[in-house]
Amino acid sequence: MSPVANSYLDNPLDISDGVIIGSGAWIGNNVIILGGVSIGEKAVIGAGAVVTKSIPAYSIAVGNPARVIKQYDHKRGEWV
């Protein structure tokens, strides 16, 4: 039996103690999230990212270590 899933949707989600994932957050394939870190509501984490610190809501984070590259500003109604 092959350990590779037919679809990325079939990959199991293993959540460590202390990790909080906000409602509507998107987590890419092969992302590593360290314990004690929270992912904000509707945040997007790029595939292969290593999240070492908390990511705010409505943000896009990528890389190793993951860093925020864009964040939605509700007051201005645009990405900054």
C-alpha atoms as a PDB file:
ATOM      1  CA  MET A   1       0.000   0.000   0.000  1.00  0.00           C
ATOM      2  CA  SER A   2       1.390   3.399  -0.989  1.00  0.00           C
ATOM      3  CA  PRO A   3       1.706   6.022   1.775  1.00  0.00           C
ATOM      4  CA  VAL A   4       0.983   8.761  -0.785  1.00  0.00           C
ATOM      5  CA  ALA A   5      -2.633   9.922  -0.757  1.00  0.00           C
ATOM      6  CA  ASN A   6      -4.555  10.135  -4.049  1.00  0.00           C
ATOM      7  CA  SER A   7      -5.621  13.686  -3.245  1.00  0.00           C
ATOM      8  CA  TYR A   8      -4.164  16.365  -0.998  1.00  0.00           C
ATOM      9  CA  LEU A   9      -7.618  16.509   0.621  1.00  0.00           C
ATOM     10  CA  ASP A  10      -7.031  12.978   1.937  1.00  0.00           C
ATOM     11  CA  ASN A  11      -3.878  13.956   3.873  1.00  0.00           C
ATOM     12  CA  PRO A  12      -4.378  13.619   7.621  1.00  0.00           C
ATOM     13  CA  LEU A  13      -4.200  16.731   9.773  1.00  0.00           C
ATOM     14  CA  ASP A  14      -2.145  16.098  12.897  1.00  0.00           C
ATOM     15  CA  ILE A  15      -2.482  18.948  15.395  1.00  0.00           C
ATOM     16  CA  SER A  16       0.008  19.200  18.270  1.00  0.00           C
ATOM     17  CA  ASP A  17      -0.880  20.469  21.717  1.00  0.00           C
ATOM     18  CA  GLY A  18      -1.129  24.231  21.909  1.00  0.00           C
ATOM     19  CA  VAL A  19      -1.661  24.823  18.176  1.00  0.00           C
ATOM     20  CA  ILE A  20      -4.742  26.921  17.425  1.00  0.00           C
ATOM     21  CA  ILE A  21      -6.044  27.197  13.856  1.00  0.00           C
ATOM     22  CA  GLY A  22      -8.624  29.939  13.293  1.00  0.00           C
ATOM     23  CA  SER A  23     -11.856  29.497  11.398  1.00  0.00           C
ATOM     24  CA  GLY A  24     -11.468  29.536   7.627  1.00  0.00           C
ATOM     25  CA  ALA A  25      -7.655  29.318   7.665  1.00  0.00           C
ATOM     26  CA  TRP A  26      -5.996  27.601   4.692  1.00  0.00           C
ATOM     27  CA  ILE A  27      -2.957  25.453   5.411  1.00  0.00           C
ATOM     28  CA  GLY A  28      -0.879  24.367   2.398  1.00  0.00           C
ATOM     29  CA  ASN A  29       0.607  20.916   1.860  1.00  0.00           C
ATOM     30  CA  ASN A  30       3.576  19.831   3.996  1.00  0.00           C
ATOM     31  CA  VAL A  31       3.331  22.786   6.391  1.00  0.00           C
ATOM     32  CA  ILE A  32       4.969  22.417   9.803  1.00  0.00           C
ATOM     33  CA  ILE A  33       3.415  24.393  12.665  1.00  0.00           C
ATOM     34  CA  LEU A  34       5.332  24.380  15.942  1.00  0.00           C
ATOM     35  CA  GLY A  35       3.586  23.956  19.293  1.00  0.00           C
ATOM     36  CA  GLY A  36       2.187  27.044  20.990  1.00  0.00           C
ATOM     37  CA  VAL A  37       1.570  28.829  17.681  1.00  0.00           C
ATOM     38  CA  SER A  38      -1.793  30.173  16.542  1.00  0.00           C
ATOM     39  CA  ILE A  39      -2.958  30.749  12.987  1.00  0.00           C
ATOM     40  CA  GLY A  40      -5.469  33.595  12.762  1.00  0.00           C
ATOM     41  CA  GLU A  41      -8.900  33.505  11.204  1.00  0.00           C
ATOM     42  CA  LYS A  42      -8.860  33.247   7.360  1.00  0.00           C
ATOM     43  CA  ALA A  43      -5.044  33.284   7.264  1.00  0.00           C
ATOM     44  CA  VAL A  44      -3.304  31.466   4.388  1.00  0.00           C
ATOM     45  CA  ILE A  45      -0.111  29.482   4.990  1.00  0.00           C
ATOM     46  CA  GLY A  46       1.858  28.607   1.849  1.00  0.00           C
ATOM     47  CA  ALA A  47       2.863  25.033   1.058  1.00  0.00           C
ATOM     48  CA  GLY A  48       6.044  23.844   2.765  1.00  0.00           C
ATOM     49  CA  ALA A  49       6.125  26.715   5.269  1.00  0.00           C
ATOM     50  CA  VAL A  50       7.553  26.249   8.758  1.00  0.00           C
ATOM     51  CA  VAL A  51       5.469  28.346  11.146  1.00  0.00           C
ATOM     52  CA  THR A  52       7.537  29.232  14.226  1.00  0.00           C
ATOM     53  CA  LYS A  53       5.467  32.152  15.537  1.00  0.00           C
ATOM     54  CA  SER A  54       1.809  33.136  15.490  1.00  0.00           C
ATOM     55  CA  ILE A  55       0.285  34.456  12.258  1.00  0.00           C
ATOM     56  CA  PRO A  56      -2.374  37.200  12.505  1.00  0.00           C
ATOM     57  CA  ALA A  57      -5.853  36.908  11.022  1.00  0.00           C
ATOM     58  CA  TYR A  58      -6.361  37.789   7.344  1.00  0.00           C
ATOM     59  CA  SER A  59      -2.661  37.332   6.521  1.00  0.00           C
ATOM     60  CA  ILE A  60      -0.663  35.383   3.956  1.00  0.00           C
ATOM     61  CA  ALA A  61       2.517  33.746   5.295  1.00  0.00           C
ATOM     62  CA  VAL A  62       5.158  31.749   3.414  1.00  0.00           C
ATOM     63  CA  GLY A  63       8.704  30.466   3.844  1.00  0.00           C
ATOM     64  CA  ASN A  64      11.027  28.862   6.342  1.00  0.00           C
ATOM     65  CA  PRO A  65      10.589  30.331   8.855  1.00  0.00           C
ATOM     66  CA  ALA A  66       7.181  31.567   7.758  1.00  0.00           C
ATOM     67  CA  ARG A  67       6.775  35.323   7.526  1.00  0.00           C
ATOM     68  CA  VAL A  68       3.764  37.449   6.673  1.00  0.00           C
ATOM     69  CA  ILE A  69       4.011  38.816   3.130  1.00  0.00           C
ATOM     70  CA  LYS A  70       0.536  40.368   2.889  1.00  0.00           C
ATOM     71  CA  GLN A  71      -2.172  41.374   5.331  1.00  0.00           C
ATOM     72  CA  TYR A  72      -5.681  42.625   4.663  1.00  0.00           C
ATOM     73  CA  ASP A  73      -6.399  46.085   6.089  1.00  0.00           C
ATOM     74  CA  HIS A  74     -10.115  46.291   6.915  1.00  0.00           C
ATOM     75  CA  LYS A  75     -10.040  50.077   7.360  1.00  0.00           C
ATOM     76  CA  ARG A  76      -8.651  50.712   3.878  1.00  0.00           C
ATOM     77  CA  GLY A  77     -10.343  47.660   2.320  1.00  0.00           C
ATOM     78  CA  GLU A  78      -7.188  46.443   0.606  1.00  0.00           C
ATOM     79  CA  TRP A  79      -4.138  44.164   0.966  1.00  0.00           C
ATOM     80  CA  VAL A  80      -1.004  45.813   2.341  1.00  0.00           C
END
